[in-house]
Amino acid sequence: MASQQRTAGAFDIRIIIAVLIGVYGIVLVVLGLFASTEEELAKTGGMNINLWAGVGMVLAAIAFAVWAKLKPTVVPADFEDDG
């Protein structure tokens, strides 16, 4: 009888990190696209920092999600489930 490997799934810390970074990244992208003012751009030397930081965060979130999908965390077979 072959034992089936169980993975952490949605409880993998990489997925939780990806969701949190992704949400913050999307908020920053939206702010960068629709709510940036000339005063804010002057503070950063003309660079839309909210947009670029948001894009970087979204890319990092995608990287975490891909990493979790390609190399899932396997739960040990001798782990006892209380449920």
PDB file of N, CA and C in Angstrom:
ATOM      1  N   MET A   1       0.852  -1.176   0.000  1.00  0.00           N
ATOM      2  CA  MET A   1       0.000   0.000   0.000  1.00  0.00           C
ATOM      3  C   MET A   1       0.897   1.238   0.000  1.00  0.00           C
ATOM      4  N   ALA A   2       0.741   2.073  -0.975  1.00  0.00           N
ATOM      5  CA  ALA A   2       1.556   3.284  -1.101  1.00  0.00           C
ATOM      6  C   ALA A   2       0.977   4.389  -0.226  1.00  0.00           C
ATOM      7  N   SER A   3       1.865   5.012   0.533  1.00  0.00           N
ATOM      8  CA  SER A   3       1.394   6.113   1.371  1.00  0.00           C
ATOM      9  C   SER A   3       1.388   7.403   0.557  1.00  0.00           C
ATOM     10  N   GLN A   4       0.361   8.160   0.750  1.00  0.00           N
ATOM     11  CA  GLN A   4       0.216   9.418   0.018  1.00  0.00           C
ATOM     12  C   GLN A   4       0.834  10.543   0.835  1.00  0.00           C
ATOM     13  N   GLN A   5       1.690  11.356   0.187  1.00  0.00           N
ATOM     14  CA  GLN A   5       2.322  12.468   0.880  1.00  0.00           C
ATOM     15  C   GLN A   5       1.332  13.606   1.059  1.00  0.00           C
ATOM     16  N   ARG A   6       1.327  14.174   2.265  1.00  0.00           N
ATOM     17  CA  ARG A   6       0.487  15.337   2.533  1.00  0.00           C
ATOM     18  C   ARG A   6       1.382  16.563   2.561  1.00  0.00           C
ATOM     19  N   THR A   7       0.863  17.656   2.036  1.00  0.00           N
ATOM     20  CA  THR A   7       1.617  18.909   2.034  1.00  0.00           C
ATOM     21  C   THR A   7       0.929  19.932   2.934  1.00  0.00           C
ATOM     22  N   ALA A   8       1.668  21.002   3.248  1.00  0.00           N
ATOM     23  CA  ALA A   8       1.133  22.044   4.126  1.00  0.00           C
ATOM     24  C   ALA A   8       0.027  22.840   3.440  1.00  0.00           C
ATOM     25  N   GLY A   9       0.036  22.905   2.119  1.00  0.00           N
ATOM     26  CA  GLY A   9      -1.011  23.590   1.368  1.00  0.00           C
ATOM     27  C   GLY A   9      -1.118  25.060   1.694  1.00  0.00           C
ATOM     28  N   ALA A  10      -2.316  25.511   2.017  1.00  0.00           N
ATOM     29  CA  ALA A  10      -2.557  26.932   2.287  1.00  0.00           C
ATOM     30  C   ALA A  10      -1.898  27.394   3.577  1.00  0.00           C
ATOM     31  N   PHE A  11      -1.485  26.461   4.436  1.00  0.00           N
ATOM     32  CA  PHE A  11      -0.851  26.826   5.696  1.00  0.00           C
ATOM     33  C   PHE A  11       0.659  26.953   5.578  1.00  0.00           C
ATOM     34  N   ASP A  12       1.176  26.792   4.372  1.00  0.00           N
ATOM     35  CA  ASP A  12       2.606  26.998   4.125  1.00  0.00           C
ATOM     36  C   ASP A  12       2.916  28.482   4.341  1.00  0.00           C
ATOM     37  N   ILE A  13       3.947  28.763   5.111  1.00  0.00           N
ATOM     38  CA  ILE A  13       4.270  30.155   5.456  1.00  0.00           C
ATOM     39  C   ILE A  13       4.582  30.973   4.207  1.00  0.00           C
ATOM     40  N   ARG A  14       5.077  30.332   3.157  1.00  0.00           N
ATOM     41  CA  ARG A  14       5.390  31.064   1.925  1.00  0.00           C
ATOM     42  C   ARG A  14       4.124  31.583   1.256  1.00  0.00           C
ATOM     43  N   ILE A  15       3.035  30.855   1.345  1.00  0.00           N
ATOM     44  CA  ILE A  15       1.763  31.309   0.778  1.00  0.00           C
ATOM     45  C   ILE A  15       1.226  32.489   1.590  1.00  0.00           C
ATOM     46  N   ILE A  16       1.324  32.410   2.906  1.00  0.00           N
ATOM     47  CA  ILE A  16       0.859  33.502   3.753  1.00  0.00           C
ATOM     48  C   ILE A  16       1.658  34.771   3.473  1.00  0.00           C
ATOM     49  N   ILE A  17       2.983  34.635   3.356  1.00  0.00           N
ATOM     50  CA  ILE A  17       3.832  35.784   3.031  1.00  0.00           C
ATOM     51  C   ILE A  17       3.480  36.337   1.652  1.00  0.00           C
ATOM     52  N   ALA A  18       3.264  35.456   0.685  1.00  0.00           N
ATOM     53  CA  ALA A  18       2.919  35.897  -0.675  1.00  0.00           C
ATOM     54  C   ALA A  18       1.623  36.697  -0.680  1.00  0.00           C
ATOM     55  N   VAL A  19       0.637  36.249   0.056  1.00  0.00           N
ATOM     56  CA  VAL A  19      -0.644  36.965   0.103  1.00  0.00           C
ATOM     57  C   VAL A  19      -0.472  38.344   0.740  1.00  0.00           C
ATOM     58  N   LEU A  20       0.236  38.408   1.864  1.00  0.00           N
ATOM     59  CA  LEU A  20       0.421  39.693   2.535  1.00  0.00           C
ATOM     60  C   LEU A  20       1.214  40.679   1.675  1.00  0.00           C
ATOM     61  N   ILE A  21       2.334  40.228   1.131  1.00  0.00           N
ATOM     62  CA  ILE A  21       3.136  41.110   0.283  1.00  0.00           C
ATOM     63  C   ILE A  21       2.357  41.489  -0.973  1.00  0.00           C
ATOM     64  N   GLY A  22       1.618  40.556  -1.526  1.00  0.00           N
ATOM     65  CA  GLY A  22       0.833  40.826  -2.731  1.00  0.00           C
ATOM     66  C   GLY A  22      -0.247  41.871  -2.515  1.00  0.00           C
ATOM     67  N   VAL A  23      -0.936  41.783  -1.392  1.00  0.00           N
ATOM     68  CA  VAL A  23      -2.000  42.767  -1.098  1.00  0.00           C
ATOM     69  C   VAL A  23      -1.400  44.158  -0.938  1.00  0.00           C
ATOM     70  N   TYR A  24      -0.329  44.256  -0.153  1.00  0.00           N
ATOM     71  CA  TYR A  24       0.327  45.558   0.008  1.00  0.00           C
ATOM     72  C   TYR A  24       0.873  46.070  -1.324  1.00  0.00           C
ATOM     73  N   GLY A  25       1.407  45.180  -2.132  1.00  0.00           N
ATOM     74  CA  GLY A  25       1.926  45.573  -3.435  1.00  0.00           C
ATOM     75  C   GLY A  25       0.845  46.111  -4.355  1.00  0.00           C
ATOM     76  N   ILE A  26      -0.304  45.459  -4.370  1.00  0.00           N
ATOM     77  CA  ILE A  26      -1.413  45.922  -5.207  1.00  0.00           C
ATOM     78  C   ILE A  26      -1.895  47.297  -4.746  1.00  0.00           C
ATOM     79  N   VAL A  27      -1.961  47.487  -3.428  1.00  0.00           N
ATOM     80  CA  VAL A  27      -2.367  48.797  -2.901  1.00  0.00           C
ATOM     81  C   VAL A  27      -1.383  49.872  -3.362  1.00  0.00           C
ATOM     82  N   LEU A  28      -0.088  49.591  -3.293  1.00  0.00           N
ATOM     83  CA  LEU A  28       0.903  50.575  -3.716  1.00  0.00           C
ATOM     84  C   LEU A  28       0.846  50.841  -5.219  1.00  0.00           C
ATOM     85  N   VAL A  29       0.598  49.813  -6.015  1.00  0.00           N
ATOM     86  CA  VAL A  29       0.469  50.022  -7.462  1.00  0.00           C
ATOM     87  C   VAL A  29      -0.717  50.928  -7.766  1.00  0.00           C
ATOM     88  N   VAL A  30      -1.841  50.685  -7.116  1.00  0.00           N
ATOM     89  CA  VAL A  30      -3.028  51.521  -7.330  1.00  0.00           C
ATOM     90  C   VAL A  30      -2.747  52.960  -6.891  1.00  0.00           C
ATOM     91  N   LEU A  31      -2.107  53.121  -5.743  1.00  0.00           N
ATOM     92  CA  LEU A  31      -1.759  54.471  -5.290  1.00  0.00           C
ATOM     93  C   LEU A  31      -0.793  55.139  -6.263  1.00  0.00           C
ATOM     94  N   GLY A  32       0.165  54.391  -6.752  1.00  0.00           N
ATOM     95  CA  GLY A  32       1.129  54.948  -7.695  1.00  0.00           C
ATOM     96  C   GLY A  32       0.497  55.363  -9.014  1.00  0.00           C
ATOM     97  N   LEU A  33      -0.493  54.612  -9.459  1.00  0.00           N
ATOM     98  CA  LEU A  33      -1.142  54.923 -10.737  1.00  0.00           C
ATOM     99  C   LEU A  33      -2.162  56.051 -10.629  1.00  0.00           C
ATOM    100  N   PHE A  34      -2.907  56.098  -9.522  1.00  0.00           N
ATOM    101  CA  PHE A  34      -4.045  57.003  -9.451  1.00  0.00           C
ATOM    102  C   PHE A  34      -3.956  58.106  -8.396  1.00  0.00           C
ATOM    103  N   ALA A  35      -3.031  58.007  -7.451  1.00  0.00           N
ATOM    104  CA  ALA A  35      -3.040  58.977  -6.360  1.00  0.00           C
ATOM    105  C   ALA A  35      -1.704  59.672  -6.156  1.00  0.00           C
ATOM    106  N   SER A  36      -0.833  59.634  -7.130  1.00  0.00           N
ATOM    107  CA  SER A  36       0.451  60.313  -6.948  1.00  0.00           C
ATOM    108  C   SER A  36       0.311  61.783  -7.342  1.00  0.00           C
ATOM    109  N   THR A  37       0.912  62.637  -6.536  1.00  0.00           N
ATOM    110  CA  THR A  37       0.838  64.083  -6.780  1.00  0.00           C
ATOM    111  C   THR A  37       2.216  64.602  -7.181  1.00  0.00           C
ATOM    112  N   GLU A  38       2.228  65.795  -7.685  1.00  0.00           N
ATOM    113  CA  GLU A  38       3.497  66.422  -8.074  1.00  0.00           C
ATOM    114  C   GLU A  38       4.390  66.646  -6.857  1.00  0.00           C
ATOM    115  N   GLU A  39       3.782  66.934  -5.713  1.00  0.00           N
ATOM    116  CA  GLU A  39       4.551  67.133  -4.484  1.00  0.00           C
ATOM    117  C   GLU A  39       5.271  65.846  -4.066  1.00  0.00           C
ATOM    118  N   GLU A  40       4.562  64.710  -4.156  1.00  0.00           N
ATOM    119  CA  GLU A  40       5.180  63.422  -3.825  1.00  0.00           C
ATOM    120  C   GLU A  40       6.285  63.079  -4.812  1.00  0.00           C
ATOM    121  N   LEU A  41       6.062  63.347  -6.084  1.00  0.00           N
ATOM    122  CA  LEU A  41       7.082  63.071  -7.089  1.00  0.00           C
ATOM    123  C   LEU A  41       8.312  63.940  -6.884  1.00  0.00           C
ATOM    124  N   ALA A  42       8.116  65.185  -6.414  1.00  0.00           N
ATOM    125  CA  ALA A  42       9.241  66.075  -6.154  1.00  0.00           C
ATOM    126  C   ALA A  42      10.095  65.564  -4.996  1.00  0.00           C
ATOM    127  N   LYS A  43       9.470  64.933  -4.018  1.00  0.00           N
ATOM    128  CA  LYS A  43      10.201  64.392  -2.875  1.00  0.00           C
ATOM    129  C   LYS A  43      11.118  63.247  -3.279  1.00  0.00           C
ATOM    130  N   THR A  44      10.763  62.525  -4.323  1.00  0.00           N
ATOM    131  CA  THR A  44      11.545  61.354  -4.738  1.00  0.00           C
ATOM    132  C   THR A  44      12.345  61.612  -6.005  1.00  0.00           C
ATOM    133  N   GLY A  45      12.492  62.859  -6.382  1.00  0.00           N
ATOM    134  CA  GLY A  45      13.274  63.182  -7.566  1.00  0.00           C
ATOM    135  C   GLY A  45      12.584  62.819  -8.872  1.00  0.00           C
ATOM    136  N   GLY A  46      11.272  62.831  -8.879  1.00  0.00           N
ATOM    137  CA  GLY A  46      10.505  62.551 -10.088  1.00  0.00           C
ATOM    138  C   GLY A  46      10.181  61.075 -10.290  1.00  0.00           C
ATOM    139  N   MET A  47      10.611  60.236  -9.369  1.00  0.00           N
ATOM    140  CA  MET A  47      10.357  58.796  -9.495  1.00  0.00           C
ATOM    141  C   MET A  47       9.068  58.445  -8.747  1.00  0.00           C
ATOM    142  N   ASN A  48       8.204  57.688  -9.387  1.00  0.00           N
ATOM    143  CA  ASN A  48       6.957  57.252  -8.751  1.00  0.00           C
ATOM    144  C   ASN A  48       7.262  56.032  -7.887  1.00  0.00           C
ATOM    145  N   ILE A  49       7.716  56.299  -6.664  1.00  0.00           N
ATOM    146  CA  ILE A  49       8.208  55.233  -5.798  1.00  0.00           C
ATOM    147  C   ILE A  49       7.105  54.268  -5.378  1.00  0.00           C
ATOM    148  N   ASN A  50       5.882  54.760  -5.207  1.00  0.00           N
ATOM    149  CA  ASN A  50       4.780  53.853  -4.850  1.00  0.00           C
ATOM    150  C   ASN A  50       4.549  52.821  -5.951  1.00  0.00           C
ATOM    151  N   LEU A  51       4.585  53.263  -7.184  1.00  0.00           N
ATOM    152  CA  LEU A  51       4.377  52.350  -8.308  1.00  0.00           C
ATOM    153  C   LEU A  51       5.482  51.305  -8.371  1.00  0.00           C
ATOM    154  N   TRP A  52       6.724  51.731  -8.307  1.00  0.00           N
ATOM    155  CA  TRP A  52       7.837  50.792  -8.455  1.00  0.00           C
ATOM    156  C   TRP A  52       7.978  49.869  -7.254  1.00  0.00           C
ATOM    157  N   ALA A  53       7.735  50.368  -6.065  1.00  0.00           N
ATOM    158  CA  ALA A  53       7.768  49.505  -4.882  1.00  0.00           C
ATOM    159  C   ALA A  53       6.633  48.485  -4.939  1.00  0.00           C
ATOM    160  N   GLY A  54       5.468  48.916  -5.404  1.00  0.00           N
ATOM    161  CA  GLY A  54       4.336  48.001  -5.542  1.00  0.00           C
ATOM    162  C   GLY A  54       4.595  46.917  -6.567  1.00  0.00           C
ATOM    163  N   VAL A  55       5.184  47.285  -7.696  1.00  0.00           N
ATOM    164  CA  VAL A  55       5.512  46.291  -8.726  1.00  0.00           C
ATOM    165  C   VAL A  55       6.521  45.284  -8.168  1.00  0.00           C
ATOM    166  N   GLY A  56       7.524  45.779  -7.449  1.00  0.00           N
ATOM    167  CA  GLY A  56       8.504  44.885  -6.840  1.00  0.00           C
ATOM    168  C   GLY A  56       7.880  43.938  -5.840  1.00  0.00           C
ATOM    169  N   MET A  57       6.942  44.438  -5.050  1.00  0.00           N
ATOM    170  CA  MET A  57       6.280  43.597  -4.058  1.00  0.00           C
ATOM    171  C   MET A  57       5.386  42.549  -4.718  1.00  0.00           C
ATOM    172  N   VAL A  58       4.701  42.922  -5.786  1.00  0.00           N
ATOM    173  CA  VAL A  58       3.867  41.950  -6.506  1.00  0.00           C
ATOM    174  C   VAL A  58       4.748  40.862  -7.118  1.00  0.00           C
ATOM    175  N   LEU A  59       5.881  41.239  -7.681  1.00  0.00           N
ATOM    176  CA  LEU A  59       6.798  40.241  -8.247  1.00  0.00           C
ATOM    177  C   LEU A  59       7.356  39.328  -7.158  1.00  0.00           C
ATOM    178  N   ALA A  60       7.668  39.875  -5.998  1.00  0.00           N
ATOM    179  CA  ALA A  60       8.140  39.054  -4.880  1.00  0.00           C
ATOM    180  C   ALA A  60       7.050  38.084  -4.424  1.00  0.00           C
ATOM    181  N   ALA A  61       5.806  38.542  -4.387  1.00  0.00           N
ATOM    182  CA  ALA A  61       4.691  37.672  -4.001  1.00  0.00           C
ATOM    183  C   ALA A  61       4.522  36.533  -4.996  1.00  0.00           C
ATOM    184  N   ILE A  62       4.658  36.842  -6.275  1.00  0.00           N
ATOM    185  CA  ILE A  62       4.570  35.793  -7.304  1.00  0.00           C
ATOM    186  C   ILE A  62       5.697  34.789  -7.130  1.00  0.00           C
ATOM    187  N   ALA A  63       6.897  35.278  -6.830  1.00  0.00           N
ATOM    188  CA  ALA A  63       8.043  34.389  -6.627  1.00  0.00           C
ATOM    189  C   ALA A  63       7.808  33.454  -5.444  1.00  0.00           C
ATOM    190  N   PHE A  64       7.280  33.968  -4.340  1.00  0.00           N
ATOM    191  CA  PHE A  64       6.981  33.130  -3.181  1.00  0.00           C
ATOM    192  C   PHE A  64       5.930  32.075  -3.530  1.00  0.00           C
ATOM    193  N   ALA A  65       4.896  32.459  -4.252  1.00  0.00           N
ATOM    194  CA  ALA A  65       3.834  31.511  -4.611  1.00  0.00           C
ATOM    195  C   ALA A  65       4.359  30.422  -5.546  1.00  0.00           C
ATOM    196  N   VAL A  66       5.187  30.800  -6.500  1.00  0.00           N
ATOM    197  CA  VAL A  66       5.764  29.812  -7.426  1.00  0.00           C
ATOM    198  C   VAL A  66       6.679  28.869  -6.664  1.00  0.00           C
ATOM    199  N   TRP A  67       7.477  29.406  -5.753  1.00  0.00           N
ATOM    200  CA  TRP A  67       8.372  28.591  -4.941  1.00  0.00           C
ATOM    201  C   TRP A  67       7.572  27.568  -4.128  1.00  0.00           C
ATOM    202  N   ALA A  68       6.479  28.004  -3.517  1.00  0.00           N
ATOM    203  CA  ALA A  68       5.654  27.097  -2.719  1.00  0.00           C
ATOM    204  C   ALA A  68       4.995  26.030  -3.589  1.00  0.00           C
ATOM    205  N   LYS A  69       4.659  26.381  -4.825  1.00  0.00           N
ATOM    206  CA  LYS A  69       4.020  25.419  -5.723  1.00  0.00           C
ATOM    207  C   LYS A  69       5.023  24.397  -6.250  1.00  0.00           C
ATOM    208  N   LEU A  70       6.232  24.861  -6.599  1.00  0.00           N
ATOM    209  CA  LEU A  70       7.232  23.966  -7.169  1.00  0.00           C
ATOM    210  C   LEU A  70       7.886  23.055  -6.131  1.00  0.00           C
ATOM    211  N   LYS A  71       8.024  23.531  -4.904  1.00  0.00           N
ATOM    212  CA  LYS A  71       8.670  22.745  -3.849  1.00  0.00           C
ATOM    213  C   LYS A  71       7.810  22.804  -2.585  1.00  0.00           C
ATOM    214  N   PRO A  72       6.714  22.033  -2.549  1.00  0.00           N
ATOM    215  CA  PRO A  72       5.806  22.101  -1.401  1.00  0.00           C
ATOM    216  C   PRO A  72       6.432  21.513  -0.137  1.00  0.00           C
ATOM    217  N   THR A  73       5.970  21.995   1.006  1.00  0.00           N
ATOM    218  CA  THR A  73       6.410  21.479   2.293  1.00  0.00           C
ATOM    219  C   THR A  73       5.635  20.203   2.583  1.00  0.00           C
ATOM    220  N   VAL A  74       6.356  19.100   2.766  1.00  0.00           N
ATOM    221  CA  VAL A  74       5.722  17.806   2.998  1.00  0.00           C
ATOM    222  C   VAL A  74       5.587  17.581   4.495  1.00  0.00           C
ATOM    223  N   VAL A  75       4.385  17.182   4.910  1.00  0.00           N
ATOM    224  CA  VAL A  75       4.115  16.880   6.310  1.00  0.00           C
ATOM    225  C   VAL A  75       4.614  15.461   6.570  1.00  0.00           C
ATOM    226  N   PRO A  76       5.371  15.240   7.650  1.00  0.00           N
ATOM    227  CA  PRO A  76       5.879  13.890   7.945  1.00  0.00           C
ATOM    228  C   PRO A  76       4.753  12.867   8.084  1.00  0.00           C
ATOM    229  N   ALA A  77       5.017  11.635   7.657  1.00  0.00           N
ATOM    230  CA  ALA A  77       4.000  10.586   7.685  1.00  0.00           C
ATOM    231  C   ALA A  77       3.599  10.211   9.102  1.00  0.00           C
ATOM    232  N   ASP A  78       4.508  10.363  10.075  1.00  0.00           N
ATOM    233  CA  ASP A  78       4.189   9.971  11.451  1.00  0.00           C
ATOM    234  C   ASP A  78       3.503  11.080  12.247  1.00  0.00           C
ATOM    235  N   PHE A  79       3.113  12.174  11.575  1.00  0.00           N
ATOM    236  CA  PHE A  79       2.431  13.267  12.239  1.00  0.00           C
ATOM    237  C   PHE A  79       1.008  12.829  12.569  1.00  0.00           C
ATOM    238  N   GLU A  80       0.601  12.973  13.837  1.00  0.00           N
ATOM    239  CA  GLU A  80      -0.745  12.589  14.244  1.00  0.00           C
ATOM    240  C   GLU A  80      -1.682  13.780  14.163  1.00  0.00           C
ATOM    241  N   ASP A  81      -2.802  13.578  13.507  1.00  0.00           N
ATOM    242  CA  ASP A  81      -3.806  14.628  13.359  1.00  0.00           C
ATOM    243  C   ASP A  81      -4.829  14.490  14.479  1.00  0.00           C
ATOM    244  N   ASP A  82      -5.055  15.574  15.210  1.00  0.00           N
ATOM    245  CA  ASP A  82      -6.017  15.542  16.323  1.00  0.00           C
ATOM    246  C   ASP A  82      -7.468  15.603  15.847  1.00  0.00           C
ATOM    247  N   GLY A  83      -7.674  15.952  14.567  1.00  0.00           N
ATOM    248  CA  GLY A  83      -9.030  16.147  14.053  1.00  0.00           C
ATOM    249  C   GLY A  83      -9.618  14.956  13.545  1.00  0.00           C
TER     250      GLY A  83
END
